Protein backbone atom coordinates (compact mmCIF):
# COMPACT_ATOMS: atom_id res chain seq x y z
CA MET A 1 0.00 0.00 0.00
CA VAL A 2 1.30 3.47 -0.84
CA ARG A 3 1.86 6.20 1.79
CA HIS A 4 -0.87 8.53 0.49
CA GLY A 5 -2.69 9.50 -2.68
CA VAL A 6 -5.26 8.08 -5.06
CA VAL A 7 -4.92 4.41 -5.99
CA ARG A 8 -6.78 1.69 -7.87
CA ILE A 9 -7.24 -1.67 -6.16
CA ILE A 10 -5.61 -4.19 -8.50
CA ASN A 11 -5.90 -7.37 -6.43
CA ILE A 12 -6.93 -8.56 -3.01
CA ASN A 13 -4.42 -11.25 -2.12
CA ALA A 14 -6.38 -12.78 0.76
CA GLY A 15 -8.37 -15.80 1.77
CA ARG A 16 -12.12 -16.09 1.42
CA GLY A 17 -12.93 -14.68 4.86
CA LEU A 18 -10.89 -11.50 4.55
CA ARG A 19 -11.94 -11.01 0.92
CA GLU A 20 -15.61 -11.18 1.95
CA ARG A 21 -15.01 -8.79 4.83
CA LEU A 22 -13.36 -6.24 2.52
CA ILE A 23 -16.20 -6.60 0.00
CA LYS A 24 -18.70 -5.87 2.79
CA MET A 25 -16.68 -2.74 3.55
CA GLY A 26 -17.05 -1.78 -0.12
CA LEU A 27 -13.47 -2.51 -1.21
CA VAL A 28 -13.33 -4.54 -4.41
CA GLU A 29 -10.86 -4.98 -7.25
CA GLY A 30 -11.03 -2.10 -9.72
CA ASP A 31 -12.20 0.47 -7.14
CA VAL A 32 -10.45 3.82 -6.86
CA VAL A 33 -9.78 4.94 -3.28
CA GLU A 34 -7.70 7.61 -1.57
CA VAL A 35 -5.06 6.63 0.99
CA ILE A 36 -5.33 9.33 3.65
CA VAL A 37 -2.96 7.88 6.25
CA ASN A 38 -0.55 4.96 6.05
CA LEU A 39 1.44 4.59 9.25
CA PHE A 40 3.24 1.44 8.14
CA PRO A 41 3.52 -0.91 9.96
CA GLY A 42 0.40 0.46 11.65
CA PRO A 43 -3.11 1.35 10.54
CA VAL A 44 -4.21 2.63 7.14
CA ILE A 45 -7.10 5.03 6.62
CA LEU A 46 -8.80 5.09 3.23
CA ARG A 47 -11.48 7.34 1.75
CA ARG A 48 -14.02 5.83 -0.62
CA ASN A 49 -17.10 7.74 -1.80
CA GLY A 50 -16.72 10.24 1.06
CA MET A 51 -16.54 7.50 3.71
CA ARG A 52 -13.41 6.83 5.77
CA LEU A 53 -12.36 3.23 6.38
CA GLY A 54 -9.72 2.12 8.86
CA LEU A 55 -7.71 -1.03 8.20
CA GLY A 56 -5.06 -2.73 10.25
CA ALA A 57 -1.63 -3.28 8.74
CA GLY A 58 -2.31 -6.98 8.16
CA MET A 59 -5.50 -6.32 6.19
CA ALA A 60 -3.95 -3.47 4.23
CA SER A 61 -0.93 -5.58 3.28
CA LYS A 62 -3.24 -7.95 1.39
CA ILE A 63 -4.51 -5.19 -0.91
CA ILE A 64 -2.41 -4.65 -4.05
CA VAL A 65 -2.82 -1.16 -5.51
CA GLN A 66 -1.67 0.95 -8.43
CA PRO A 67 -1.03 4.66 -7.78
CA LEU A 68 -3.02 7.01 -10.03
CA GLU A 69 -2.20 10.55 -11.03
CA VAL A 70 -4.92 13.03 -10.19
CA LYS A 71 -5.52 15.69 -12.84
CA ARG A 72 -6.01 19.11 -11.28
């Protein structure tokens, strides 16, 4: 997971249980989210559709992302 910025979720490299939990949180492959805080090896805070989501380091480490450039 990157330190901060806008990213696209490329893959969720997790077992069925964690994958389902992330889906219930609204995090699926192909989604674009903003990494607000990444205190590696601590928690990660994401923003998706105006909602903030907190993930532990273990959960966040299973999410493979691609950084995106934001056009301003």
